[in-house]
Amino acid sequence: MVLVSSRRRVSPARRIASGAAFAFAFAFATGGCWDFDYVDAPGSPDATTDATTKSDARVPCVEGGYYCGGEHVSGDPRSLYRCNKDGSGTLTATCATACIVAPPGKDDACSQPPACVTNGTYCGGDKVNGDPNVLYRCNAGSTISVVRRCPNGCQINKNDDDTCK
């Protein structure tokens, strides 16, 4: 007769799956909403030492798609980037208020900016969505038109029109 232990050796994958199932059941039972970030094990090929890097930034973006910074492309979360063939992002706009992450399969976009003053000039990202190195004019109905590109950058001026540097 052989004595068999009642304790079984459980694989790490099964332990993780059991933990996820428990977390889901706990959240469901308590009526809570839980969000989990998965972190690569130290020493794994995908591990990073930068704790501020979002895991979504490592997932490849779709070429030609628009993404908020940190959402499949690196960058400022308040800016909108166009995905390049190599997976990097090119800044297309600094959002005046926020960048909105869209559901999968749809482009992210800047949220509706606050109303700008008609005939006022604004740098992209200052009450208008746009390139931070471009000076825009606010038209009637809060539409904008390009005044000019600022080769040395755009200067945001409090309580006055923005200007090129």
Protein backbone atom coordinates (compact mmCIF):
# COMPACT_ATOMS: atom_id res chain seq x y z
CA MET A 1 0.00 0.00 0.00
CA VAL A 2 1.27 3.46 -0.93
CA LEU A 3 0.48 6.52 1.12
CA VAL A 4 -0.53 9.43 -1.12
CA SER A 5 -0.49 12.98 0.13
CA SER A 6 -3.77 14.86 -0.07
CA ARG A 7 -1.84 17.99 -1.14
CA ARG A 8 -1.36 18.28 -4.86
CA ARG A 9 1.34 20.27 -6.57
CA VAL A 10 -0.38 23.01 -8.58
CA SER A 11 1.29 24.57 -11.61
CA PRO A 12 1.93 28.36 -11.55
CA ALA A 13 -0.47 28.84 -14.51
CA ARG A 14 -3.27 27.06 -12.62
CA ARG A 15 -2.48 29.11 -9.49
CA ILE A 16 -2.80 32.35 -11.51
CA ALA A 17 -6.05 31.20 -13.12
CA SER A 18 -7.44 30.24 -9.69
CA GLY A 19 -6.43 33.63 -8.31
CA ALA A 20 -8.11 35.46 -11.20
CA ALA A 21 -11.27 33.39 -10.75
CA PHE A 22 -11.29 34.19 -7.03
CA ALA A 23 -10.80 37.91 -7.71
CA PHE A 24 -13.65 37.91 -10.22
CA ALA A 25 -15.95 36.02 -7.85
CA PHE A 26 -15.03 38.37 -4.98
CA ALA A 27 -15.70 41.48 -7.10
CA PHE A 28 -19.00 40.04 -8.33
CA ALA A 29 -20.11 39.02 -4.84
CA THR A 30 -19.24 42.37 -3.29
CA GLY A 31 -20.74 44.39 -6.14
CA GLY A 32 -17.37 46.03 -6.71
CA CYS A 33 -15.62 46.86 -9.91
CA TRP A 34 -12.00 45.84 -9.98
CA ASP A 35 -9.29 46.63 -12.52
CA PHE A 36 -6.16 44.50 -12.65
CA ASP A 37 -2.79 45.40 -14.17
CA TYR A 38 -0.72 42.40 -15.12
CA VAL A 39 2.99 42.77 -14.49
CA ASP A 40 5.64 40.61 -16.10
CA ALA A 41 7.75 38.53 -13.76
CA PRO A 42 11.22 40.00 -13.10
CA GLY A 43 13.72 38.60 -15.58
CA SER A 44 11.09 37.75 -18.22
CA PRO A 45 11.73 39.11 -21.75
CA ASP A 46 8.84 41.59 -21.42
CA ALA A 47 9.70 42.80 -17.91
CA THR A 48 10.37 46.48 -17.46
CA THR A 49 12.01 48.35 -14.63
CA ASP A 50 9.88 51.45 -15.27
CA ALA A 51 6.91 51.07 -12.94
CA THR A 52 5.09 53.99 -14.62
CA THR A 53 4.95 52.29 -18.04
CA LYS A 54 1.41 51.17 -18.85
CA SER A 55 1.20 47.62 -20.13
CA ASP A 56 -0.99 48.79 -23.04
CA ALA A 57 1.91 50.85 -24.42
CA ARG A 58 3.74 47.56 -25.18
CA VAL A 59 0.85 46.17 -27.23
CA PRO A 60 1.42 47.11 -30.88
CA CYS A 61 -0.69 49.87 -32.33
CA VAL A 62 -2.44 49.62 -35.70
CA GLU A 63 -0.63 51.64 -38.37
CA GLY A 64 -2.58 54.79 -39.21
CA GLY A 65 -4.71 54.57 -36.06
CA TYR A 66 -4.98 57.38 -33.53
CA TYR A 67 -4.11 56.72 -29.89
CA CYS A 68 -3.88 58.70 -26.66
CA GLY A 69 -0.39 58.66 -25.14
CA GLY A 70 0.18 55.54 -23.04
CA GLU A 71 -2.52 53.62 -24.96
CA HIS A 72 -0.49 51.41 -27.34
CA VAL A 73 2.00 54.29 -27.98
CA SER A 74 4.30 56.08 -25.58
CA GLY A 75 3.58 59.72 -24.81
CA ASP A 76 1.60 62.27 -22.85
CA PRO A 77 -1.86 60.89 -21.95
CA ARG A 78 -3.37 64.30 -22.81
CA SER A 79 -2.06 64.11 -26.40
CA LEU A 80 -3.18 62.26 -29.52
CA TYR A 81 -0.69 60.27 -31.63
CA ARG A 82 -0.89 58.61 -35.06
CA CYS A 83 0.61 55.10 -35.17
CA ASN A 84 3.58 54.66 -37.52
CA LYS A 85 4.56 51.48 -39.36
CA ASP A 86 7.32 50.78 -36.80
CA GLY A 87 4.84 50.98 -33.88
CA SER A 88 5.96 54.41 -32.69
CA GLY A 89 3.57 57.34 -32.46
CA THR A 90 3.72 60.78 -34.10
CA LEU A 91 2.14 63.63 -32.13
CA THR A 92 -0.89 64.94 -34.03
CA ALA A 93 -2.61 67.03 -31.35
CA THR A 94 -2.32 68.20 -27.79
CA CYS A 95 -5.81 68.01 -26.31
CA ALA A 96 -7.14 71.13 -24.60
CA THR A 97 -8.88 69.15 -21.87
CA ALA A 98 -8.45 65.38 -22.23
CA CYS A 99 -7.74 62.55 -24.64
CA ILE A 100 -10.55 59.98 -24.73
CA VAL A 101 -9.66 56.30 -25.18
CA ALA A 102 -12.15 54.71 -27.59
CA PRO A 103 -13.33 51.09 -27.63
CA PRO A 104 -11.13 48.62 -29.58
CA GLY A 105 -11.36 49.13 -33.34
CA LYS A 106 -12.10 52.86 -33.07
CA ASP A 107 -9.68 55.80 -33.03
CA ASP A 108 -9.03 57.66 -29.77
CA ALA A 109 -9.80 61.40 -29.91
CA CYS A 110 -9.47 64.64 -28.02
CA SER A 111 -12.53 65.59 -25.97
CA GLN A 112 -14.54 68.67 -26.90
CA PRO A 113 -12.50 71.69 -25.75
CA PRO A 114 -13.99 74.57 -23.77
CA ALA A 115 -15.34 77.49 -25.81
CA CYS A 116 -12.67 79.79 -27.18
CA VAL A 117 -13.07 83.55 -27.66
CA THR A 118 -14.00 84.44 -31.26
CA ASN A 119 -11.04 86.02 -33.11
CA GLY A 120 -8.64 85.05 -30.32
CA THR A 121 -5.42 83.22 -31.18
CA TYR A 122 -4.49 80.01 -29.38
CA CYS A 123 -1.67 77.49 -29.41
CA GLY A 124 -2.75 73.89 -29.92
CA GLY A 125 -3.71 72.50 -26.52
CA ASP A 126 -4.75 75.89 -25.10
CA LYS A 127 -8.57 75.96 -25.41
CA VAL A 128 -8.27 74.37 -28.86
CA ASN A 129 -7.22 70.86 -29.88
CA GLY A 130 -4.23 70.88 -32.18
CA ASP A 131 -0.52 70.82 -32.79
CA PRO A 132 1.23 72.62 -29.89
CA ASN A 133 3.58 74.33 -32.40
CA VAL A 134 0.76 75.86 -34.45
CA LEU A 135 -1.09 79.11 -33.75
CA TYR A 136 -4.85 78.89 -34.40
CA ARG A 137 -7.60 81.52 -34.70
CA CYS A 138 -10.93 80.88 -33.02
CA ASN A 139 -13.81 81.51 -35.43
CA ALA A 140 -17.52 81.88 -34.78
CA GLY A 141 -19.05 78.69 -33.38
CA SER A 142 -15.72 77.69 -31.79
CA THR A 143 -14.31 76.40 -35.09
CA ILE A 144 -10.62 77.03 -35.63
CA SER A 145 -8.34 77.90 -38.53
CA VAL A 146 -4.55 77.84 -38.76
CA VAL A 147 -2.85 81.23 -38.48
CA ARG A 148 0.67 79.83 -38.89
CA ARG A 149 3.16 77.19 -37.79
CA CYS A 150 5.54 78.47 -35.09
CA PRO A 151 9.09 77.33 -35.99
CA ASN A 152 10.40 78.19 -32.50
CA GLY A 153 7.33 76.97 -30.64
CA CYS A 154 4.06 78.55 -29.56
CA GLN A 155 3.80 80.80 -26.48
CA ILE A 156 0.70 80.49 -24.27
CA ASN A 157 -0.06 83.90 -22.74
CA LYS A 158 -2.41 84.10 -19.76
CA ASN A 159 -5.27 86.58 -20.23
CA ASP A 160 -4.06 87.51 -23.73
CA ASP A 161 -3.80 86.01 -27.21
CA ASP A 162 -1.20 83.28 -27.66
CA THR A 163 1.72 84.03 -30.01
CA CYS A 164 4.62 82.37 -31.75
CA LYS A 165 7.91 82.56 -29.83
